[in-house]
Amino acid sequence: VAMGGTVTGEHGVGVEKLNSMCVQF
């Protein structure tokens, strides 16, 4: 995200990336 990207491309957020959503949005 810091490099200008996103926390997911095609695998989805599910339960794995819940915390990382807090970083991006």
mmCIF file of all heavy atoms, coordinates in Angstrom:
data_MODEL
# 
_entry.id   MODEL 
# 
loop_
_atom_site.group_PDB 
_atom_site.id 
_atom_site.type_symbol 
_atom_site.label_atom_id 
_atom_site.label_alt_id 
_atom_site.label_comp_id 
_atom_site.label_asym_id 
_atom_site.label_entity_id 
_atom_site.label_seq_id 
_atom_site.pdbx_PDB_ins_code 
_atom_site.Cartn_x 
_atom_site.Cartn_y 
_atom_site.Cartn_z 
_atom_site.occupancy 
_atom_site.B_iso_or_equiv 
_atom_site.pdbx_formal_charge 
_atom_site.auth_seq_id 
_atom_site.auth_comp_id 
_atom_site.auth_asym_id 
_atom_site.auth_atom_id 
_atom_site.pdbx_PDB_model_num 
ATOM 1   N N   . VAL A 1 1  ? 0.839   -1.201  0.000  1.00 0.00 ? 1  VAL A N   1 
ATOM 2   C CA  . VAL A 1 1  ? 0.000   0.000   0.000  1.00 0.00 ? 1  VAL A CA  1 
ATOM 3   C C   . VAL A 1 1  ? 0.872   1.249   0.000  1.00 0.00 ? 1  VAL A C   1 
ATOM 4   O O   . VAL A 1 1  ? 0.608   2.227   -0.718 1.00 0.00 ? 1  VAL A O   1 
ATOM 5   C CB  . VAL A 1 1  ? -0.958  -0.008  1.202  1.00 0.00 ? 1  VAL A CB  1 
ATOM 6   C CG1 . VAL A 1 1  ? -1.731  1.305   1.290  1.00 0.00 ? 1  VAL A CG1 1 
ATOM 7   C CG2 . VAL A 1 1  ? -1.928  -1.183  1.096  1.00 0.00 ? 1  VAL A CG2 1 
ATOM 8   N N   . ALA A 1 2  ? 1.940   1.229   0.787  1.00 0.00 ? 2  ALA A N   1 
ATOM 9   C CA  . ALA A 1 2  ? 2.845   2.380   0.846  1.00 0.00 ? 2  ALA A CA  1 
ATOM 10  C C   . ALA A 1 2  ? 3.502   2.653   -0.497 1.00 0.00 ? 2  ALA A C   1 
ATOM 11  O O   . ALA A 1 2  ? 3.842   3.795   -0.813 1.00 0.00 ? 2  ALA A O   1 
ATOM 12  C CB  . ALA A 1 2  ? 3.920   2.135   1.906  1.00 0.00 ? 2  ALA A CB  1 
ATOM 13  N N   . MET A 1 3  ? 3.666   1.609   -1.311 1.00 0.00 ? 3  MET A N   1 
ATOM 14  C CA  . MET A 1 3  ? 4.275   1.774   -2.634 1.00 0.00 ? 3  MET A CA  1 
ATOM 15  C C   . MET A 1 3  ? 3.256   2.162   -3.698 1.00 0.00 ? 3  MET A C   1 
ATOM 16  O O   . MET A 1 3  ? 3.577   2.228   -4.884 1.00 0.00 ? 3  MET A O   1 
ATOM 17  C CB  . MET A 1 3  ? 4.979   0.476   -3.044 1.00 0.00 ? 3  MET A CB  1 
ATOM 18  C CG  . MET A 1 3  ? 6.249   0.190   -2.263 1.00 0.00 ? 3  MET A CG  1 
ATOM 19  S SD  . MET A 1 3  ? 7.046   -1.332  -2.859 1.00 0.00 ? 3  MET A SD  1 
ATOM 20  C CE  . MET A 1 3  ? 8.546   -1.325  -1.841 1.00 0.00 ? 3  MET A CE  1 
ATOM 21  N N   . GLY A 1 4  ? 2.017   2.400   -3.272 1.00 0.00 ? 4  GLY A N   1 
ATOM 22  C CA  . GLY A 1 4  ? 0.988   2.823   -4.220 1.00 0.00 ? 4  GLY A CA  1 
ATOM 23  C C   . GLY A 1 4  ? 0.083   1.711   -4.687 1.00 0.00 ? 4  GLY A C   1 
ATOM 24  O O   . GLY A 1 4  ? -0.653  1.867   -5.663 1.00 0.00 ? 4  GLY A O   1 
ATOM 25  N N   . GLY A 1 5  ? 0.099   0.553   -3.981 1.00 0.00 ? 5  GLY A N   1 
ATOM 26  C CA  . GLY A 1 5  ? -0.703  -0.593  -4.383 1.00 0.00 ? 5  GLY A CA  1 
ATOM 27  C C   . GLY A 1 5  ? -1.908  -0.818  -3.500 1.00 0.00 ? 5  GLY A C   1 
ATOM 28  O O   . GLY A 1 5  ? -2.398  0.104   -2.826 1.00 0.00 ? 5  GLY A O   1 
ATOM 29  N N   . THR A 1 6  ? -2.378  -2.061  -3.465 1.00 0.00 ? 6  THR A N   1 
ATOM 30  C CA  . THR A 1 6  ? -3.562  -2.428  -2.695 1.00 0.00 ? 6  THR A CA  1 
ATOM 31  C C   . THR A 1 6  ? -3.295  -3.717  -1.927 1.00 0.00 ? 6  THR A C   1 
ATOM 32  O O   . THR A 1 6  ? -2.342  -4.448  -2.217 1.00 0.00 ? 6  THR A O   1 
ATOM 33  C CB  . THR A 1 6  ? -4.781  -2.657  -3.604 1.00 0.00 ? 6  THR A CB  1 
ATOM 34  O OG1 . THR A 1 6  ? -4.525  -3.784  -4.459 1.00 0.00 ? 6  THR A OG1 1 
ATOM 35  C CG2 . THR A 1 6  ? -5.055  -1.436  -4.480 1.00 0.00 ? 6  THR A CG2 1 
ATOM 36  N N   . VAL A 1 7  ? -4.171  -4.034  -0.971 1.00 0.00 ? 7  VAL A N   1 
ATOM 37  C CA  . VAL A 1 7  ? -3.951  -5.203  -0.117 1.00 0.00 ? 7  VAL A CA  1 
ATOM 38  C C   . VAL A 1 7  ? -4.398  -6.505  -0.768 1.00 0.00 ? 7  VAL A C   1 
ATOM 39  O O   . VAL A 1 7  ? -4.118  -7.576  -0.249 1.00 0.00 ? 7  VAL A O   1 
ATOM 40  C CB  . VAL A 1 7  ? -4.649  -5.048  1.252  1.00 0.00 ? 7  VAL A CB  1 
ATOM 41  C CG1 . VAL A 1 7  ? -4.088  -3.859  1.996  1.00 0.00 ? 7  VAL A CG1 1 
ATOM 42  C CG2 . VAL A 1 7  ? -6.168  -4.950  1.097  1.00 0.00 ? 7  VAL A CG2 1 
ATOM 43  N N   . THR A 1 8  ? -5.110  -6.432  -1.892 1.00 0.00 ? 8  THR A N   1 
ATOM 44  C CA  . THR A 1 8  ? -5.488  -7.666  -2.572 1.00 0.00 ? 8  THR A CA  1 
ATOM 45  C C   . THR A 1 8  ? -5.624  -7.421  -4.059 1.00 0.00 ? 8  THR A C   1 
ATOM 46  O O   . THR A 1 8  ? -6.054  -6.353  -4.497 1.00 0.00 ? 8  THR A O   1 
ATOM 47  C CB  . THR A 1 8  ? -6.798  -8.254  -2.021 1.00 0.00 ? 8  THR A CB  1 
ATOM 48  O OG1 . THR A 1 8  ? -7.061  -9.496  -2.668 1.00 0.00 ? 8  THR A OG1 1 
ATOM 49  C CG2 . THR A 1 8  ? -7.971  -7.322  -2.201 1.00 0.00 ? 8  THR A CG2 1 
ATOM 50  N N   . GLY A 1 9  ? -5.242  -8.442  -4.836 1.00 0.00 ? 9  GLY A N   1 
ATOM 51  C CA  . GLY A 1 9  ? -5.385  -8.358  -6.276 1.00 0.00 ? 9  GLY A CA  1 
ATOM 52  C C   . GLY A 1 9  ? -6.482  -9.280  -6.788 1.00 0.00 ? 9  GLY A C   1 
ATOM 53  O O   . GLY A 1 9  ? -7.324  -8.881  -7.575 1.00 0.00 ? 9  GLY A O   1 
ATOM 54  N N   . GLU A 1 10 ? -6.495  -10.542 -6.306 1.00 0.00 ? 10 GLU A N   1 
ATOM 55  C CA  . GLU A 1 10 ? -7.488  -11.495 -6.804 1.00 0.00 ? 10 GLU A CA  1 
ATOM 56  C C   . GLU A 1 10 ? -7.910  -12.542 -5.778 1.00 0.00 ? 10 GLU A C   1 
ATOM 57  O O   . GLU A 1 10 ? -8.880  -13.254 -6.002 1.00 0.00 ? 10 GLU A O   1 
ATOM 58  C CB  . GLU A 1 10 ? -6.966  -12.206 -8.053 1.00 0.00 ? 10 GLU A CB  1 
ATOM 59  C CG  . GLU A 1 10 ? -5.670  -12.953 -7.828 1.00 0.00 ? 10 GLU A CG  1 
ATOM 60  C CD  . GLU A 1 10 ? -5.276  -13.849 -9.000 1.00 0.00 ? 10 GLU A CD  1 
ATOM 61  O OE1 . GLU A 1 10 ? -6.152  -14.223 -9.780 1.00 0.00 ? 10 GLU A OE1 1 
ATOM 62  O OE2 . GLU A 1 10 ? -4.084  -14.181 -9.101 1.00 0.00 ? 10 GLU A OE2 1 
ATOM 63  N N   . HIS A 1 11 ? -7.204  -12.640 -4.653 1.00 0.00 ? 11 HIS A N   1 
ATOM 64  C CA  . HIS A 1 11 ? -7.548  -13.673 -3.671 1.00 0.00 ? 11 HIS A CA  1 
ATOM 65  C C   . HIS A 1 11 ? -8.609  -13.207 -2.690 1.00 0.00 ? 11 HIS A C   1 
ATOM 66  O O   . HIS A 1 11 ? -9.158  -14.015 -1.954 1.00 0.00 ? 11 HIS A O   1 
ATOM 67  C CB  . HIS A 1 11 ? -6.302  -14.111 -2.890 1.00 0.00 ? 11 HIS A CB  1 
ATOM 68  C CG  . HIS A 1 11 ? -5.322  -14.867 -3.713 1.00 0.00 ? 11 HIS A CG  1 
ATOM 69  N ND1 . HIS A 1 11 ? -4.097  -15.266 -3.234 1.00 0.00 ? 11 HIS A ND1 1 
ATOM 70  C CD2 . HIS A 1 11 ? -5.374  -15.295 -5.000 1.00 0.00 ? 11 HIS A CD2 1 
ATOM 71  C CE1 . HIS A 1 11 ? -3.441  -15.905 -4.193 1.00 0.00 ? 11 HIS A CE1 1 
ATOM 72  N NE2 . HIS A 1 11 ? -4.200  -15.937 -5.270 1.00 0.00 ? 11 HIS A NE2 1 
ATOM 73  N N   . GLY A 1 12 ? -8.874  -11.924 -2.635 1.00 0.00 ? 12 GLY A N   1 
ATOM 74  C CA  . GLY A 1 12 ? -9.880  -11.405 -1.731 1.00 0.00 ? 12 GLY A CA  1 
ATOM 75  C C   . GLY A 1 12 ? -9.344  -11.112 -0.344 1.00 0.00 ? 12 GLY A C   1 
ATOM 76  O O   . GLY A 1 12 ? -8.194  -11.400 -0.011 1.00 0.00 ? 12 GLY A O   1 
ATOM 77  N N   . VAL A 1 13 ? -10.202 -10.520 0.469  1.00 0.00 ? 13 VAL A N   1 
ATOM 78  C CA  . VAL A 1 13 ? -9.853  -10.129 1.842  1.00 0.00 ? 13 VAL A CA  1 
ATOM 79  C C   . VAL A 1 13 ? -10.143 -11.265 2.812  1.00 0.00 ? 13 VAL A C   1 
ATOM 80  O O   . VAL A 1 13 ? -9.310  -11.632 3.639  1.00 0.00 ? 13 VAL A O   1 
ATOM 81  C CB  . VAL A 1 13 ? -10.621 -8.858  2.258  1.00 0.00 ? 13 VAL A CB  1 
ATOM 82  C CG1 . VAL A 1 13 ? -10.356 -8.517  3.718  1.00 0.00 ? 13 VAL A CG1 1 
ATOM 83  C CG2 . VAL A 1 13 ? -10.243 -7.684  1.359  1.00 0.00 ? 13 VAL A CG2 1 
ATOM 84  N N   . GLY A 1 14 ? -11.360 -11.837 2.716  1.00 0.00 ? 14 GLY A N   1 
ATOM 85  C CA  . GLY A 1 14 ? -11.747 -12.923 3.609  1.00 0.00 ? 14 GLY A CA  1 
ATOM 86  C C   . GLY A 1 14 ? -11.535 -12.577 5.063  1.00 0.00 ? 14 GLY A C   1 
ATOM 87  O O   . GLY A 1 14 ? -11.925 -11.505 5.536  1.00 0.00 ? 14 GLY A O   1 
ATOM 88  N N   . VAL A 1 15 ? -10.887 -13.489 5.801  1.00 0.00 ? 15 VAL A N   1 
ATOM 89  C CA  . VAL A 1 15 ? -10.498 -13.202 7.181  1.00 0.00 ? 15 VAL A CA  1 
ATOM 90  C C   . VAL A 1 15 ? -9.025  -12.824 7.262  1.00 0.00 ? 15 VAL A C   1 
ATOM 91  O O   . VAL A 1 15 ? -8.591  -12.182 8.208  1.00 0.00 ? 15 VAL A O   1 
ATOM 92  C CB  . VAL A 1 15 ? -10.764 -14.410 8.106  1.00 0.00 ? 15 VAL A CB  1 
ATOM 93  C CG1 . VAL A 1 15 ? -12.253 -14.719 8.167  1.00 0.00 ? 15 VAL A CG1 1 
ATOM 94  C CG2 . VAL A 1 15 ? -9.997  -15.645 7.662  1.00 0.00 ? 15 VAL A CG2 1 
ATOM 95  N N   . GLU A 1 16 ? -8.260  -13.212 6.240  1.00 0.00 ? 16 GLU A N   1 
ATOM 96  C CA  . GLU A 1 16 ? -6.815  -13.029 6.273  1.00 0.00 ? 16 GLU A CA  1 
ATOM 97  C C   . GLU A 1 16 ? -6.392  -11.563 6.311  1.00 0.00 ? 16 GLU A C   1 
ATOM 98  O O   . GLU A 1 16 ? -5.478  -11.190 7.030  1.00 0.00 ? 16 GLU A O   1 
ATOM 99  C CB  . GLU A 1 16 ? -6.201  -13.703 5.040  1.00 0.00 ? 16 GLU A CB  1 
ATOM 100 C CG  . GLU A 1 16 ? -4.704  -13.503 4.893  1.00 0.00 ? 16 GLU A CG  1 
ATOM 101 C CD  . GLU A 1 16 ? -4.231  -13.813 3.483  1.00 0.00 ? 16 GLU A CD  1 
ATOM 102 O OE1 . GLU A 1 16 ? -4.947  -13.499 2.515  1.00 0.00 ? 16 GLU A OE1 1 
ATOM 103 O OE2 . GLU A 1 16 ? -3.136  -14.365 3.357  1.00 0.00 ? 16 GLU A OE2 1 
ATOM 104 N N   . LYS A 1 17 ? -7.080  -10.708 5.559  1.00 0.00 ? 17 LYS A N   1 
ATOM 105 C CA  . LYS A 1 17 ? -6.606  -9.336  5.371  1.00 0.00 ? 17 LYS A CA  1 
ATOM 106 C C   . LYS A 1 17 ? -7.469  -8.291  6.077  1.00 0.00 ? 17 LYS A C   1 
ATOM 107 O O   . LYS A 1 17 ? -7.414  -7.102  5.737  1.00 0.00 ? 17 LYS A O   1 
ATOM 108 C CB  . LYS A 1 17 ? -6.540  -9.016  3.875  1.00 0.00 ? 17 LYS A CB  1 
ATOM 109 C CG  . LYS A 1 17 ? -5.635  -9.944  3.074  1.00 0.00 ? 17 LYS A CG  1 
ATOM 110 C CD  . LYS A 1 17 ? -5.512  -9.466  1.637  1.00 0.00 ? 17 LYS A CD  1 
ATOM 111 C CE  . LYS A 1 17 ? -4.666  -10.410 0.814  1.00 0.00 ? 17 LYS A CE  1 
ATOM 112 N NZ  . LYS A 1 17 ? -5.445  -11.587 0.346  1.00 0.00 ? 17 LYS A NZ  1 
ATOM 113 N N   . LEU A 1 18 ? -8.261  -8.727  7.054  1.00 0.00 ? 18 LEU A N   1 
ATOM 114 C CA  . LEU A 1 18 ? -9.125  -7.770  7.748  1.00 0.00 ? 18 LEU A CA  1 
ATOM 115 C C   . LEU A 1 18 ? -8.323  -6.626  8.363  1.00 0.00 ? 18 LEU A C   1 
ATOM 116 O O   . LEU A 1 18 ? -8.683  -5.456  8.240  1.00 0.00 ? 18 LEU A O   1 
ATOM 117 C CB  . LEU A 1 18 ? -9.939  -8.494  8.828  1.00 0.00 ? 18 LEU A CB  1 
ATOM 118 C CG  . LEU A 1 18 ? -11.232 -9.168  8.377  1.00 0.00 ? 18 LEU A CG  1 
ATOM 119 C CD1 . LEU A 1 18 ? -11.832 -9.962  9.515  1.00 0.00 ? 18 LEU A CD1 1 
ATOM 120 C CD2 . LEU A 1 18 ? -12.225 -8.149  7.853  1.00 0.00 ? 18 LEU A CD2 1 
ATOM 121 N N   . ASN A 1 19 ? -7.230  -6.969  9.060  1.00 0.00 ? 19 ASN A N   1 
ATOM 122 C CA  . ASN A 1 19 ? -6.425  -5.911  9.670  1.00 0.00 ? 19 ASN A CA  1 
ATOM 123 C C   . ASN A 1 19 ? -5.814  -4.997  8.622  1.00 0.00 ? 19 ASN A C   1 
ATOM 124 O O   . ASN A 1 19 ? -5.706  -3.779  8.829  1.00 0.00 ? 19 ASN A O   1 
ATOM 125 C CB  . ASN A 1 19 ? -5.307  -6.528  10.532 1.00 0.00 ? 19 ASN A CB  1 
ATOM 126 C CG  . ASN A 1 19 ? -5.848  -7.165  11.795 1.00 0.00 ? 19 ASN A CG  1 
ATOM 127 O OD1 . ASN A 1 19 ? -6.933  -6.834  12.257 1.00 0.00 ? 19 ASN A OD1 1 
ATOM 128 N ND2 . ASN A 1 19 ? -5.090  -8.087  12.362 1.00 0.00 ? 19 ASN A ND2 1 
ATOM 129 N N   . SER A 1 20 ? -5.401  -5.558  7.517  1.00 0.00 ? 20 SER A N   1 
ATOM 130 C CA  . SER A 1 20 ? -4.767  -4.754  6.469  1.00 0.00 ? 20 SER A CA  1 
ATOM 131 C C   . SER A 1 20 ? -5.755  -3.792  5.824  1.00 0.00 ? 20 SER A C   1 
ATOM 132 O O   . SER A 1 20 ? -5.345  -2.745  5.297  1.00 0.00 ? 20 SER A O   1 
ATOM 133 C CB  . SER A 1 20 ? -4.157  -5.673  5.412  1.00 0.00 ? 20 SER A CB  1 
ATOM 134 O OG  . SER A 1 20 ? -3.158  -6.495  5.984  1.00 0.00 ? 20 SER A OG  1 
ATOM 135 N N   . MET A 1 21 ? -7.038  -4.109  5.851  1.00 0.00 ? 21 MET A N   1 
ATOM 136 C CA  . MET A 1 21 ? -8.035  -3.154  5.356  1.00 0.00 ? 21 MET A CA  1 
ATOM 137 C C   . MET A 1 21 ? -8.006  -1.875  6.185  1.00 0.00 ? 21 MET A C   1 
ATOM 138 O O   . MET A 1 21 ? -8.257  -0.779  5.672  1.00 0.00 ? 21 MET A O   1 
ATOM 139 C CB  . MET A 1 21 ? -9.422  -3.782  5.409  1.00 0.00 ? 21 MET A CB  1 
ATOM 140 C CG  . MET A 1 21 ? -9.656  -4.884  4.394  1.00 0.00 ? 21 MET A CG  1 
ATOM 141 S SD  . MET A 1 21 ? -9.867  -4.269  2.719  1.00 0.00 ? 21 MET A SD  1 
ATOM 142 C CE  . MET A 1 21 ? -11.529 -3.612  2.804  1.00 0.00 ? 21 MET A CE  1 
ATOM 143 N N   . CYS A 1 22 ? -7.672  -2.013  7.476  1.00 0.00 ? 22 CYS A N   1 
ATOM 144 C CA  . CYS A 1 22 ? -7.588  -0.847  8.355  1.00 0.00 ? 22 CYS A CA  1 
ATOM 145 C C   . CYS A 1 22 ? -6.448  0.078   7.935  1.00 0.00 ? 22 CYS A C   1 
ATOM 146 O O   . CYS A 1 22 ? -6.478  1.282   8.202  1.00 0.00 ? 22 CYS A O   1 
ATOM 147 C CB  . CYS A 1 22 ? -7.368  -1.284  9.805  1.00 0.00 ? 22 CYS A CB  1 
ATOM 148 S SG  . CYS A 1 22 ? -8.629  -2.402  10.455 1.00 0.00 ? 22 CYS A SG  1 
ATOM 149 N N   . VAL A 1 23 ? -5.434  -0.501  7.292  1.00 0.00 ? 23 VAL A N   1 
ATOM 150 C CA  . VAL A 1 23 ? -4.283  0.279   6.856  1.00 0.00 ? 23 VAL A CA  1 
ATOM 151 C C   . VAL A 1 23 ? -4.603  1.053   5.584  1.00 0.00 ? 23 VAL A C   1 
ATOM 152 O O   . VAL A 1 23 ? -4.180  2.197   5.414  1.00 0.00 ? 23 VAL A O   1 
ATOM 153 C CB  . VAL A 1 23 ? -3.068  -0.656  6.623  1.00 0.00 ? 23 VAL A CB  1 
ATOM 154 C CG1 . VAL A 1 23 ? -1.923  0.088   5.959  1.00 0.00 ? 23 VAL A CG1 1 
ATOM 155 C CG2 . VAL A 1 23 ? -2.603  -1.260  7.946  1.00 0.00 ? 23 VAL A CG2 1 
ATOM 156 N N   . GLN A 1 24 ? -5.359  0.439   4.677  1.00 0.00 ? 24 GLN A N   1 
ATOM 157 C CA  . GLN A 1 24 ? -5.578  1.056   3.381  1.00 0.00 ? 24 GLN A CA  1 
ATOM 158 C C   . GLN A 1 24 ? -6.758  2.022   3.342  1.00 0.00 ? 24 GLN A C   1 
ATOM 159 O O   . GLN A 1 24 ? -6.699  3.049   2.663  1.00 0.00 ? 24 GLN A O   1 
ATOM 160 C CB  . GLN A 1 24 ? -5.790  -0.021  2.311  1.00 0.00 ? 24 GLN A CB  1 
ATOM 161 C CG  . GLN A 1 24 ? -6.024  0.585   0.929  1.00 0.00 ? 24 GLN A CG  1 
ATOM 162 C CD  . GLN A 1 24 ? -5.855  -0.403  -0.195 1.00 0.00 ? 24 GLN A CD  1 
ATOM 163 O OE1 . GLN A 1 24 ? -5.628  -1.576  0.037  1.00 0.00 ? 24 GLN A OE1 1 
ATOM 164 N NE2 . GLN A 1 24 ? -5.959  0.069   -1.422 1.00 0.00 ? 24 GLN A NE2 1 
ATOM 165 N N   . PHE A 1 25 ? -7.839  1.697   4.059  1.00 0.00 ? 25 PHE A N   1 
ATOM 166 C CA  . PHE A 1 25 ? -9.072  2.471   3.899  1.00 0.00 ? 25 PHE A CA  1 
ATOM 167 C C   . PHE A 1 25 ? -9.418  3.249   5.158  1.00 0.00 ? 25 PHE A C   1 
ATOM 168 O O   . PHE A 1 25 ? -9.205  2.780   6.282  1.00 0.00 ? 25 PHE A O   1 
ATOM 169 C CB  . PHE A 1 25 ? -10.225 1.543   3.535  1.00 0.00 ? 25 PHE A CB  1 
ATOM 170 C CG  . PHE A 1 25 ? -10.050 0.859   2.210  1.00 0.00 ? 25 PHE A CG  1 
ATOM 171 C CD1 . PHE A 1 25 ? -9.648  -0.463  2.148  1.00 0.00 ? 25 PHE A CD1 1 
ATOM 172 C CD2 . PHE A 1 25 ? -10.263 1.544   1.025  1.00 0.00 ? 25 PHE A CD2 1 
ATOM 173 C CE1 . PHE A 1 25 ? -9.470  -1.098  0.927  1.00 0.00 ? 25 PHE A CE1 1 
ATOM 174 C CE2 . PHE A 1 25 ? -10.087 0.925   -0.200 1.00 0.00 ? 25 PHE A CE2 1 
ATOM 175 C CZ  . PHE A 1 25 ? -9.680  -0.400  -0.252 1.00 0.00 ? 25 PHE A CZ  1 
# 
